[in-house]
PDB file of N, CA and C in Angstrom:
ATOM      1  N   MET A   1     -39.157-116.677  -8.927  1.00  0.00           N
ATOM      2  CA  MET A   1     -40.552-116.605  -9.385  1.00  0.00           C
ATOM      3  C   MET A   1     -40.978-115.158  -8.936  1.00  0.00           C
ATOM      4  N   LYS A   2     -41.651-114.530  -9.707  1.00  0.00           N
ATOM      5  CA  LYS A   2     -42.102-113.227  -9.547  1.00  0.00           C
ATOM      6  C   LYS A   2     -43.327-113.095  -8.717  1.00  0.00           C
ATOM      7  N   LEU A   3     -43.555-112.333  -7.692  1.00  0.00           N
ATOM      8  CA  LEU A   3     -44.576-112.252  -6.825  1.00  0.00           C
ATOM      9  C   LEU A   3     -45.622-111.236  -7.617  1.00  0.00           C
ATOM     10  N   PRO A   4     -47.010-111.456  -7.213  1.00  0.00           N
ATOM     11  CA  PRO A   4     -48.086-110.416  -7.770  1.00  0.00           C
ATOM     12  C   PRO A   4     -47.891-109.168  -6.968  1.00  0.00           C
ATOM     13  N   LYS A   5     -48.496-108.095  -7.634  1.00  0.00           N
ATOM     14  CA  LYS A   5     -48.280-106.815  -7.123  1.00  0.00           C
ATOM     15  C   LYS A   5     -48.738-106.598  -5.499  1.00  0.00           C
ATOM     16  N   GLU A   6     -49.924-107.425  -5.228  1.00  0.00           N
ATOM     17  CA  GLU A   6     -50.380-107.167  -4.145  1.00  0.00           C
ATOM     18  C   GLU A   6     -49.536-107.921  -3.111  1.00  0.00           C
ATOM     19  N   LEU A   7     -48.745-108.584  -3.363  1.00  0.00           N
ATOM     20  CA  LEU A   7     -47.698-109.333  -2.170  1.00  0.00           C
ATOM     21  C   LEU A   7     -46.354-108.524  -2.084  1.00  0.00           C
ATOM     22  N   ARG A   8     -45.980-107.688  -3.257  1.00  0.00           N
ATOM     23  CA  ARG A   8     -44.755-107.131  -3.058  1.00  0.00           C
ATOM     24  C   ARG A   8     -44.706-105.963  -2.280  1.00  0.00           C
ATOM     25  N   GLU A   9     -43.356-105.708  -1.804  1.00  0.00           N
ATOM     26  CA  GLU A   9     -43.313-104.353  -0.964  1.00  0.00           C
ATOM     27  C   GLU A   9     -43.527-102.993  -1.886  1.00  0.00           C
ATOM     28  N   LYS A  10     -43.849-102.140  -1.145  1.00  0.00           N
ATOM     29  CA  LYS A  10     -44.024-100.929  -1.938  1.00  0.00           C
ATOM     30  C   LYS A  10     -42.983-100.171  -2.694  1.00  0.00           C
ATOM     31  N   GLY A  11     -41.909-100.522  -1.924  1.00  0.00           N
ATOM     32  CA  GLY A  11     -40.522-100.005  -2.608  1.00  0.00           C
ATOM     33  C   GLY A  11     -40.156-100.739  -3.941  1.00  0.00           C
ATOM     34  N   ASP A  12     -40.402-102.009  -4.034  1.00  0.00           N
ATOM     35  CA  ASP A  12     -40.240-102.988  -5.175  1.00  0.00           C
ATOM     36  C   ASP A  12     -40.974-102.475  -6.218  1.00  0.00           C
ATOM     37  N   LEU A  13     -42.139-101.887  -6.187  1.00  0.00           N
ATOM     38  CA  LEU A  13     -43.003-101.530  -7.285  1.00  0.00           C
ATOM     39  C   LEU A  13     -42.565-100.422  -7.972  1.00  0.00           C
ATOM     40  N   SER A  14     -41.828 -99.349  -7.432  1.00  0.00           N
ATOM     41  CA  SER A  14     -41.506 -98.184  -8.084  1.00  0.00           C
ATOM     42  C   SER A  14     -40.208 -98.548  -8.984  1.00  0.00           C
ATOM     43  N   ALA A  15     -40.255 -98.109 -10.131  1.00  0.00           N
ATOM     44  CA  ALA A  15     -39.226 -98.269 -11.046  1.00  0.00           C
ATOM     45  C   ALA A  15     -37.952 -97.531 -11.025  1.00  0.00           C
ATOM     46  N   THR A  16     -38.074 -96.308 -10.387  1.00  0.00           N
ATOM     47  CA  THR A  16     -37.039 -95.524 -10.134  1.00  0.00           C
ATOM     48  C   THR A  16     -36.072 -95.962  -9.095  1.00  0.00           C
ATOM     49  N   ALA A  17     -36.648 -96.382  -8.140  1.00  0.00           N
ATOM     50  CA  ALA A  17     -36.032 -96.887  -6.903  1.00  0.00           C
ATOM     51  C   ALA A  17     -34.947 -97.951  -7.267  1.00  0.00           C
ATOM     52  N   ASN A  18     -35.403 -98.955  -8.280  1.00  0.00           N
ATOM     53  CA  ASN A  18     -34.253-100.044  -8.646  1.00  0.00           C
ATOM     54  C   ASN A  18     -33.358 -99.509  -9.352  1.00  0.00           C
ATOM     55  N   LYS A  19     -33.449 -98.536 -10.362  1.00  0.00           N
ATOM     56  CA  LYS A  19     -32.540 -98.001 -11.004  1.00  0.00           C
ATOM     57  C   LYS A  19     -31.343 -97.058 -10.375  1.00  0.00           C
ATOM     58  N   GLY A  20     -32.078 -96.527  -9.247  1.00  0.00           N
ATOM     59  CA  GLY A  20     -31.026 -95.830  -8.589  1.00  0.00           C
ATOM     60  C   GLY A  20     -30.740 -94.375  -9.105  1.00  0.00           C
ATOM     61  N   LYS A  21     -31.858 -93.845  -9.779  1.00  0.00           N
ATOM     62  CA  LYS A  21     -31.882 -92.472 -10.344  1.00  0.00           C
ATOM     63  C   LYS A  21     -31.643 -91.500  -9.302  1.00  0.00           C
ATOM     64  N   ARG A  22     -30.969 -90.266  -9.639  1.00  0.00           N
ATOM     65  CA  ARG A  22     -30.917 -89.339  -8.787  1.00  0.00           C
ATOM     66  C   ARG A  22     -31.723 -88.125  -9.123  1.00  0.00           C
ATOM     67  N   CYS A  23     -31.963 -87.323  -8.137  1.00  0.00           N
ATOM     68  CA  CYS A  23     -32.902 -86.116  -8.461  1.00  0.00           C
ATOM     69  C   CYS A  23     -32.332 -85.346  -9.364  1.00  0.00           C
ATOM     70  N   SER A  24     -33.169 -84.742 -10.341  1.00  0.00           N
ATOM     71  CA  SER A  24     -32.606 -83.882 -11.467  1.00  0.00           C
ATOM     72  C   SER A  24     -32.280 -82.448 -10.982  1.00  0.00           C
ATOM     73  N   ILE A  25     -32.875 -81.967  -9.974  1.00  0.00           N
ATOM     74  CA  ILE A  25     -32.799 -80.658  -9.292  1.00  0.00           C
ATOM     75  C   ILE A  25     -31.150 -80.262  -9.053  1.00  0.00           C
ATOM     76  N   LYS A  26     -30.646 -79.211  -9.532  1.00  0.00           N
ATOM     77  CA  LYS A  26     -29.284 -78.929  -9.186  1.00  0.00           C
ATOM     78  C   LYS A  26     -29.135 -78.669  -7.774  1.00  0.00           C
ATOM     79  N   SER A  27     -27.833 -79.214  -7.306  1.00  0.00           N
ATOM     80  CA  SER A  27     -27.437 -79.146  -5.732  1.00  0.00           C
ATOM     81  C   SER A  27     -28.416 -80.241  -4.941  1.00  0.00           C
ATOM     82  N   CYS A  28     -28.973 -81.120  -5.548  1.00  0.00           N
ATOM     83  CA  CYS A  28     -29.562 -82.128  -4.887  1.00  0.00           C
ATOM     84  C   CYS A  28     -29.063 -83.525  -5.411  1.00  0.00           C
ATOM     85  N   GLY A  29     -28.689 -84.435  -4.335  1.00  0.00           N
ATOM     86  CA  GLY A  29     -28.269 -85.702  -4.857  1.00  0.00           C
ATOM     87  C   GLY A  29     -29.141 -86.992  -4.266  1.00  0.00           C
ATOM     88  N   ASP A  30     -30.206 -86.632  -3.680  1.00  0.00           N
ATOM     89  CA  ASP A  30     -31.108 -87.640  -3.294  1.00  0.00           C
ATOM     90  C   ASP A  30     -31.449 -88.592  -4.214  1.00  0.00           C
ATOM     91  N   ILE A  31     -31.927 -89.819  -3.753  1.00  0.00           N
ATOM     92  CA  ILE A  31     -32.508 -90.684  -4.708  1.00  0.00           C
ATOM     93  C   ILE A  31     -33.973 -90.400  -5.231  1.00  0.00           C
ATOM     94  N   ALA A  32     -34.250 -90.343  -6.343  1.00  0.00           N
ATOM     95  CA  ALA A  32     -35.547 -89.865  -6.753  1.00  0.00           C
ATOM     96  C   ALA A  32     -36.683 -90.958  -6.626  1.00  0.00           C
ATOM     97  N   VAL A  33     -37.740 -90.499  -6.347  1.00  0.00           N
ATOM     98  CA  VAL A  33     -38.957 -91.142  -6.162  1.00  0.00           C
ATOM     99  C   VAL A  33     -39.983 -91.026  -7.164  1.00  0.00           C
ATOM    100  N   ARG A  34     -39.853 -90.092  -8.045  1.00  0.00           N
ATOM    101  CA  ARG A  34     -40.826 -89.777  -9.043  1.00  0.00           C
ATOM    102  C   ARG A  34     -40.025 -89.581 -10.330  1.00  0.00           C
ATOM    103  N   SER A  35     -40.611 -89.983 -11.392  1.00  0.00           N
ATOM    104  CA  SER A  35     -40.081 -89.944 -12.768  1.00  0.00           C
ATOM    105  C   SER A  35     -41.189 -89.241 -13.562  1.00  0.00           C
ATOM    106  N   LEU A  36     -40.934 -88.051 -13.980  1.00  0.00           N
ATOM    107  CA  LEU A  36     -42.114 -87.179 -14.467  1.00  0.00           C
ATOM    108  C   LEU A  36     -41.811 -86.744 -15.989  1.00  0.00           C
ATOM    109  N   SER A  37     -42.729 -86.643 -16.721  1.00  0.00           N
ATOM    110  CA  SER A  37     -42.554 -86.044 -18.195  1.00  0.00           C
ATOM    111  C   SER A  37     -42.393 -84.501 -18.107  1.00  0.00           C
ATOM    112  N   GLU A  38     -41.078 -84.388 -19.006  1.00  0.00           N
ATOM    113  CA  GLU A  38     -40.881 -82.968 -19.068  1.00  0.00           C
ATOM    114  C   GLU A  38     -41.610 -82.163 -19.693  1.00  0.00           C
ATOM    115  N   ASN A  39     -42.531 -82.705 -20.508  1.00  0.00           N
ATOM    116  CA  ASN A  39     -43.452 -81.750 -21.438  1.00  0.00           C
ATOM    117  C   ASN A  39     -44.507 -81.323 -20.545  1.00  0.00           C
ATOM    118  N   SER A  40     -45.043 -82.137 -19.627  1.00  0.00           N
ATOM    119  CA  SER A  40     -46.136 -81.681 -18.842  1.00  0.00           C
ATOM    120  C   SER A  40     -45.845 -81.046 -17.513  1.00  0.00           C
ATOM    121  N   TRP A  41     -44.681 -81.270 -16.865  1.00  0.00           N
ATOM    122  CA  TRP A  41     -44.062 -80.794 -15.601  1.00  0.00           C
ATOM    123  C   TRP A  41     -43.182 -79.796 -15.566  1.00  0.00           C
ATOM    124  N   LYS A  42     -42.679 -79.353 -16.970  1.00  0.00           N
ATOM    125  CA  LYS A  42     -41.455 -78.534 -16.936  1.00  0.00           C
ATOM    126  C   LYS A  42     -42.019 -77.066 -16.149  1.00  0.00           C
ATOM    127  N   SER A  43     -43.195 -76.624 -16.733  1.00  0.00           N
ATOM    128  CA  SER A  43     -43.571 -75.258 -16.028  1.00  0.00           C
ATOM    129  C   SER A  43     -43.960 -75.357 -14.663  1.00  0.00           C
ATOM    130  N   TYR A  44     -44.281 -76.290 -14.223  1.00  0.00           N
ATOM    131  CA  TYR A  44     -44.588 -76.408 -12.700  1.00  0.00           C
ATOM    132  C   TYR A  44     -43.260 -76.336 -11.814  1.00  0.00           C
ATOM    133  N   VAL A  45     -42.376 -77.157 -12.406  1.00  0.00           N
ATOM    134  CA  VAL A  45     -41.117 -77.278 -11.684  1.00  0.00           C
ATOM    135  C   VAL A  45     -40.472 -75.853 -11.648  1.00  0.00           C
ATOM    136  N   GLU A  46     -40.221 -75.151 -12.971  1.00  0.00           N
ATOM    137  CA  GLU A  46     -39.788 -74.011 -13.106  1.00  0.00           C
ATOM    138  C   GLU A  46     -40.517 -72.806 -12.279  1.00  0.00           C
ATOM    139  N   LYS A  47     -41.739 -73.058 -12.199  1.00  0.00           N
ATOM    140  CA  LYS A  47     -42.673 -71.899 -11.364  1.00  0.00           C
ATOM    141  C   LYS A  47     -42.452 -71.978  -9.878  1.00  0.00           C
ATOM    142  N   ALA A  48     -42.060 -73.314  -9.472  1.00  0.00           N
ATOM    143  CA  ALA A  48     -41.924 -73.598  -8.056  1.00  0.00           C
ATOM    144  C   ALA A  48     -40.471 -73.192  -7.818  1.00  0.00           C
ATOM    145  N   GLU A  49     -39.666 -72.437  -8.571  1.00  0.00           N
ATOM    146  CA  GLU A  49     -38.434 -71.957  -8.424  1.00  0.00           C
ATOM    147  C   GLU A  49     -37.341 -73.182  -8.186  1.00  0.00           C
ATOM    148  N   LEU A  50     -37.551 -74.081  -9.006  1.00  0.00           N
ATOM    149  CA  LEU A  50     -36.527 -75.147  -8.915  1.00  0.00           C
ATOM    150  C   LEU A  50     -35.703 -75.345 -10.394  1.00  0.00           C
ATOM    151  N   ARG A  51     -34.513 -75.401 -10.207  1.00  0.00           N
ATOM    152  CA  ARG A  51     -33.797 -75.496 -11.518  1.00  0.00           C
ATOM    153  C   ARG A  51     -33.315 -76.876 -11.700  1.00  0.00           C
ATOM    154  N   TYR A  52     -33.567 -77.691 -12.980  1.00  0.00           N
ATOM    155  CA  TYR A  52     -33.342 -78.866 -13.116  1.00  0.00           C
ATOM    156  C   TYR A  52     -32.227 -79.170 -14.163  1.00  0.00           C
ATOM    157  N   ASN A  53     -31.642 -80.509 -14.030  1.00  0.00           N
ATOM    158  CA  ASN A  53     -30.547 -80.674 -15.277  1.00  0.00           C
ATOM    159  C   ASN A  53     -31.474 -81.371 -16.249  1.00  0.00           C
ATOM    160  N   GLU A  54     -31.626 -81.053 -17.692  1.00  0.00           N
ATOM    161  CA  GLU A  54     -32.196 -81.671 -18.717  1.00  0.00           C
ATOM    162  C   GLU A  54     -31.479 -83.037 -18.973  1.00  0.00           C
ATOM    163  N   ASN A  55     -32.094 -84.020 -19.501  1.00  0.00           N
ATOM    164  CA  ASN A  55     -31.586 -85.236 -20.038  1.00  0.00           C
ATOM    165  C   ASN A  55     -32.052 -85.453 -21.135  1.00  0.00           C
ATOM    166  N   LYS A  56     -31.581 -86.559 -21.756  1.00  0.00           N
ATOM    167  CA  LYS A  56     -31.999 -87.061 -23.382  1.00  0.00           C
ATOM    168  C   LYS A  56     -33.274 -87.793 -23.417  1.00  0.00           C
ATOM    169  N   GLN A  57     -33.822 -88.331 -22.024  1.00  0.00           N
ATOM    170  CA  GLN A  57     -35.117 -88.996 -22.080  1.00  0.00           C
ATOM    171  C   GLN A  57     -36.209 -88.211 -21.870  1.00  0.00           C
ATOM    172  N   HIS A  58     -35.870 -86.729 -21.790  1.00  0.00           N
ATOM    173  CA  HIS A  58     -36.901 -85.744 -21.486  1.00  0.00           C
ATOM    174  C   HIS A  58     -37.907 -86.152 -20.378  1.00  0.00           C
ATOM    175  N   LYS A  59     -37.096 -86.525 -19.202  1.00  0.00           N
ATOM    176  CA  LYS A  59     -37.703 -86.947 -18.042  1.00  0.00           C
ATOM    177  C   LYS A  59     -37.326 -85.869 -16.847  1.00  0.00           C
ATOM    178  N   ILE A  60     -37.970 -85.689 -15.800  1.00  0.00           N
ATOM    179  CA  ILE A  60     -37.595 -84.777 -14.668  1.00  0.00           C
ATOM    180  C   ILE A  60     -37.637 -85.972 -13.605  1.00  0.00           C
ATOM    181  N   TYR A  61     -36.591 -86.304 -12.914  1.00  0.00           N
ATOM    182  CA  TYR A  61     -36.619 -87.110 -11.682  1.00  0.00           C
ATOM    183  C   TYR A  61     -36.448 -86.215 -10.429  1.00  0.00           C
ATOM    184  N   LEU A  62     -37.401 -86.537  -9.513  1.00  0.00           N
ATOM    185  CA  LEU A  62     -37.493 -85.664  -8.219  1.00  0.00           C
ATOM    186  C   LEU A  62     -37.525 -86.520  -6.943  1.00  0.00           C
ATOM    187  N   CYS A  63     -36.964 -85.911  -6.122  1.00  0.00           N
ATOM    188  CA  CYS A  63     -36.922 -86.766  -4.705  1.00  0.00           C
ATOM    189  C   CYS A  63     -38.346 -86.181  -4.046  1.00  0.00           C
ATOM    190  N   LYS A  64     -38.455 -86.870  -2.901  1.00  0.00           N
ATOM    191  CA  LYS A  64     -39.667 -86.565  -2.233  1.00  0.00           C
ATOM    192  C   LYS A  64     -39.918 -85.024  -2.053  1.00  0.00           C
ATOM    193  N   ILE A  65     -38.934 -84.427  -1.424  1.00  0.00           N
ATOM    194  CA  ILE A  65     -39.055 -83.153  -0.977  1.00  0.00           C
ATOM    195  C   ILE A  65     -39.525 -82.350  -2.159  1.00  0.00           C
ATOM    196  N   HIS A  66     -38.587 -82.362  -3.252  1.00  0.00           N
ATOM    197  CA  HIS A  66     -38.827 -81.533  -4.537  1.00  0.00           C
ATOM    198  C   HIS A  66     -40.051 -81.899  -5.176  1.00  0.00           C
ATOM    199  N   TYR A  67     -40.477 -82.939  -5.075  1.00  0.00           N
ATOM    200  CA  TYR A  67     -41.745 -83.431  -5.741  1.00  0.00           C
ATOM    201  C   TYR A  67     -42.905 -82.667  -5.119  1.00  0.00           C
ATOM    202  N   LYS A  68     -42.820 -82.668  -3.621  1.00  0.00           N
ATOM    203  CA  LYS A  68     -43.944 -82.158  -2.858  1.00  0.00           C
ATOM    204  C   LYS A  68     -43.956 -80.605  -3.143  1.00  0.00           C
ATOM    205  N   GLU A  69     -42.873 -79.882  -3.428  1.00  0.00           N
ATOM    206  CA  GLU A  69     -42.845 -78.446  -3.839  1.00  0.00           C
ATOM    207  C   GLU A  69     -43.439 -78.314  -5.188  1.00  0.00           C
ATOM    208  N   ALA A  70     -43.289 -79.005  -6.084  1.00  0.00           N
ATOM    209  CA  ALA A  70     -43.623 -78.941  -7.584  1.00  0.00           C
ATOM    210  C   ALA A  70     -45.143 -79.404  -7.668  1.00  0.00           C
ATOM    211  N   ASN A  71     -45.624 -80.225  -6.842  1.00  0.00           N
ATOM    212  CA  ASN A  71     -47.059 -80.891  -6.753  1.00  0.00           C
ATOM    213  C   ASN A  71     -47.767 -79.732  -6.042  1.00  0.00           C
ATOM    214  N   LYS A  72     -47.314 -79.065  -5.097  1.00  0.00           N
ATOM    215  CA  LYS A  72     -48.155 -78.034  -4.358  1.00  0.00           C
ATOM    216  C   LYS A  72     -48.202 -76.986  -5.267  1.00  0.00           C
ATOM    217  N   TYR A  73     -47.437 -76.596  -6.233  1.00  0.00           N
ATOM    218  CA  TYR A  73     -47.862 -75.479  -7.101  1.00  0.00           C
ATOM    219  C   TYR A  73     -48.622 -75.807  -8.127  1.00  0.00           C
ATOM    220  N   ARG A  74     -48.619 -77.255  -8.658  1.00  0.00           N
ATOM    221  CA  ARG A  74     -49.599 -77.802  -9.652  1.00  0.00           C
ATOM    222  C   ARG A  74     -50.894 -77.768  -8.932  1.00  0.00           C
ATOM    223  N   LYS A  75     -51.098 -77.988  -7.824  1.00  0.00           N
ATOM    224  CA  LYS A  75     -52.586 -78.228  -7.200  1.00  0.00           C
ATOM    225  C   LYS A  75     -53.042 -76.809  -7.139  1.00  0.00           C
ATOM    226  N   SER A  76     -52.102 -75.812  -6.801  1.00  0.00           N
ATOM    227  CA  SER A  76     -52.767 -74.402  -6.683  1.00  0.00           C
ATOM    228  C   SER A  76     -53.262 -73.917  -8.066  1.00  0.00           C
ATOM    229  N   GLN A  77     -52.481 -74.354  -9.166  1.00  0.00           N
ATOM    230  CA  GLN A  77     -52.895 -73.881 -10.653  1.00  0.00           C
ATOM    231  C   GLN A  77     -53.994 -74.665 -10.918  1.00  0.00           C
ATOM    232  N   GLU A  78     -54.318 -75.879 -10.637  1.00  0.00           N
ATOM    233  CA  GLU A  78     -55.531 -76.520 -10.947  1.00  0.00           C
ATOM    234  C   GLU A  78     -56.934 -76.013 -10.488  1.00  0.00           C
ATOM    235  N   LYS A  79     -56.615 -75.508  -9.202  1.00  0.00           N
ATOM    236  CA  LYS A  79     -57.903 -74.855  -8.385  1.00  0.00           C
ATOM    237  C   LYS A  79     -58.127 -73.643  -9.063  1.00  0.00           C
ATOM    238  N   LEU A  80     -57.167 -72.816  -9.777  1.00  0.00           N
ATOM    239  CA  LEU A  80     -57.531 -71.594 -10.449  1.00  0.00           C
ATOM    240  C   LEU A  80     -58.182 -71.715 -11.689  1.00  0.00           C
ATOM    241  N   TYR A  81     -58.021 -72.928 -12.335  1.00  0.00           N
ATOM    242  CA  TYR A  81     -58.521 -73.303 -13.769  1.00  0.00           C
ATOM    243  C   TYR A  81     -59.453 -74.449 -13.560  1.00  0.00           C
ATOM    244  N   GLN A  82     -60.027 -74.719 -12.474  1.00  0.00           N
ATOM    245  CA  GLN A  82     -60.867 -75.846 -12.386  1.00  0.00           C
ATOM    246  C   GLN A  82     -62.342 -75.662 -13.026  1.00  0.00           C
ATOM    247  N   LYS A  83     -62.800 -76.672 -13.901  1.00  0.00           N
ATOM    248  CA  LYS A  83     -63.879 -76.630 -14.672  1.00  0.00           C
ATOM    249  C   LYS A  83     -65.211 -76.686 -13.764  1.00  0.00           C
ATOM    250  N   LYS A  84     -66.021 -75.926 -13.992  1.00  0.00           N
ATOM    251  CA  LYS A  84     -67.409 -76.073 -13.037  1.00  0.00           C
ATOM    252  C   LYS A  84     -68.074 -76.998 -13.699  1.00  0.00           C
ATOM    253  N   GLY A  85     -68.982 -77.712 -12.709  1.00  0.00           N
ATOM    254  CA  GLY A  85     -69.917 -78.743 -13.154  1.00  0.00           C
ATOM    255  C   GLY A  85     -70.987 -78.347 -13.976  1.00  0.00           C
ATOM    256  N   PHE A  86     -71.711 -79.302 -14.648  1.00  0.00           N
ATOM    257  CA  PHE A  86     -72.858 -78.746 -15.529  1.00  0.00           C
ATOM    258  C   PHE A  86     -73.961 -77.953 -14.766  1.00  0.00           C
ATOM    259  N   LEU A  87     -74.362 -78.627 -13.618  1.00  0.00           N
ATOM    260  CA  LEU A  87     -75.516 -77.875 -12.909  1.00  0.00           C
ATOM    261  C   LEU A  87     -75.176 -76.606 -12.376  1.00  0.00           C
ATOM    262  N   GLU A  88     -73.831 -76.388 -11.909  1.00  0.00           N
ATOM    263  CA  GLU A  88     -73.420 -74.969 -11.561  1.00  0.00           C
ATOM    264  C   GLU A  88     -73.272 -74.009 -12.608  1.00  0.00           C
ATOM    265  N   ASP A  89     -73.078 -74.490 -13.782  1.00  0.00           N
ATOM    266  CA  ASP A  89     -72.833 -73.645 -14.908  1.00  0.00           C
ATOM    267  C   ASP A  89     -74.050 -73.292 -15.672  1.00  0.00           C
ATOM    268  N   SER A  90     -75.256 -74.293 -15.404  1.00  0.00           N
ATOM    269  CA  SER A  90     -76.447 -73.989 -16.246  1.00  0.00           C
ATOM    270  C   SER A  90     -76.960 -72.834 -16.063  1.00  0.00           C
ATOM    271  N   THR A  91     -76.991 -72.207 -14.694  1.00  0.00           N
ATOM    272  CA  THR A  91     -77.718 -71.091 -14.412  1.00  0.00           C
ATOM    273  C   THR A  91     -77.185 -69.624 -15.288  1.00  0.00           C
ATOM    274  N   THR A  92     -75.988 -69.820 -15.668  1.00  0.00           N
ATOM    275  CA  THR A  92     -75.215 -68.610 -16.164  1.00  0.00           C
ATOM    276  C   THR A  92     -75.346 -68.649 -17.929  1.00  0.00           C
ATOM    277  N   ILE A  93     -76.316 -69.512 -18.331  1.00  0.00           N
ATOM    278  CA  ILE A  93     -76.229 -69.634 -19.855  1.00  0.00           C
ATOM    279  C   ILE A  93     -77.016 -68.476 -20.390  1.00  0.00           C
ATOM    280  N   GLY A  94     -76.719 -67.637 -21.273  1.00  0.00           N
ATOM    281  CA  GLY A  94     -77.188 -66.383 -21.720  1.00  0.00           C
ATOM    282  C   GLY A  94     -77.930 -66.581 -22.980  1.00  0.00           C
ATOM    283  N   LYS A  95     -77.195 -67.438 -23.938  1.00  0.00           N
ATOM    284  CA  LYS A  95     -77.569 -67.536 -25.296  1.00  0.00           C
ATOM    285  C   LYS A  95     -78.603 -68.765 -25.345  1.00  0.00           C
ATOM    286  N   GLY A  96     -79.389 -68.828 -26.599  1.00  0.00           N
ATOM    287  CA  GLY A  96     -80.261 -69.973 -26.671  1.00  0.00           C
ATOM    288  C   GLY A  96     -81.620 -69.950 -25.712  1.00  0.00           C
ATOM    289  N   LYS A  97     -82.165 -71.076 -25.996  1.00  0.00           N
ATOM    290  CA  LYS A  97     -83.496 -71.266 -25.421  1.00  0.00           C
ATOM    291  C   LYS A  97     -83.164 -71.867 -23.892  1.00  0.00           C
ATOM    292  N   ARG A  98     -83.782 -71.542 -23.007  1.00  0.00           N
ATOM    293  CA  ARG A  98     -83.640 -71.853 -21.556  1.00  0.00           C
ATOM    294  C   ARG A  98     -85.053 -72.729 -21.243  1.00  0.00           C
ATOM    295  N   TRP A  99     -84.725 -73.737 -20.822  1.00  0.00           N
ATOM    296  CA  TRP A  99     -85.936 -74.669 -20.538  1.00  0.00           C
ATOM    297  C   TRP A  99     -86.446 -74.404 -18.579  1.00  0.00           C
ATOM    298  N   ASP A 100     -87.316 -73.712 -18.403  1.00  0.00           N
ATOM    299  CA  ASP A 100     -87.600 -73.333 -16.773  1.00  0.00           C
ATOM    300  C   ASP A 100     -88.687 -74.208 -16.619  1.00  0.00           C
TER     301      ASP A 100
END
C-alpha cells in the first residue's frame, strides 16, 4: 500500500534517488539530487564553469554540491534582471498622461 506524501520520507519523494542517477558533471560520480531541464539550465551550468555530459533525455543531473554552484550563479543573474514593481516604476513614466 502506498503512503500519502505527508507520511513518506523525504528521500522517498525524490524521483532521482530511486533511479540511482549519477551527476552529469565530468569527473563527478556522486548520486544526483536534482534533475534539471537542459534548455533552461544549460547556460547557468556552463557559466558556473561546470562541464557536463549530454544525454538523450536533455536532462542535467546534478549532485548537491554542483547544484549549489549552478543555483548560486542563477540567483545572481536573476537579481540583475529583476523586474521592478508597478509602484516603483510608476514615477519614471515619461510618455502619456500622468495622473497626479
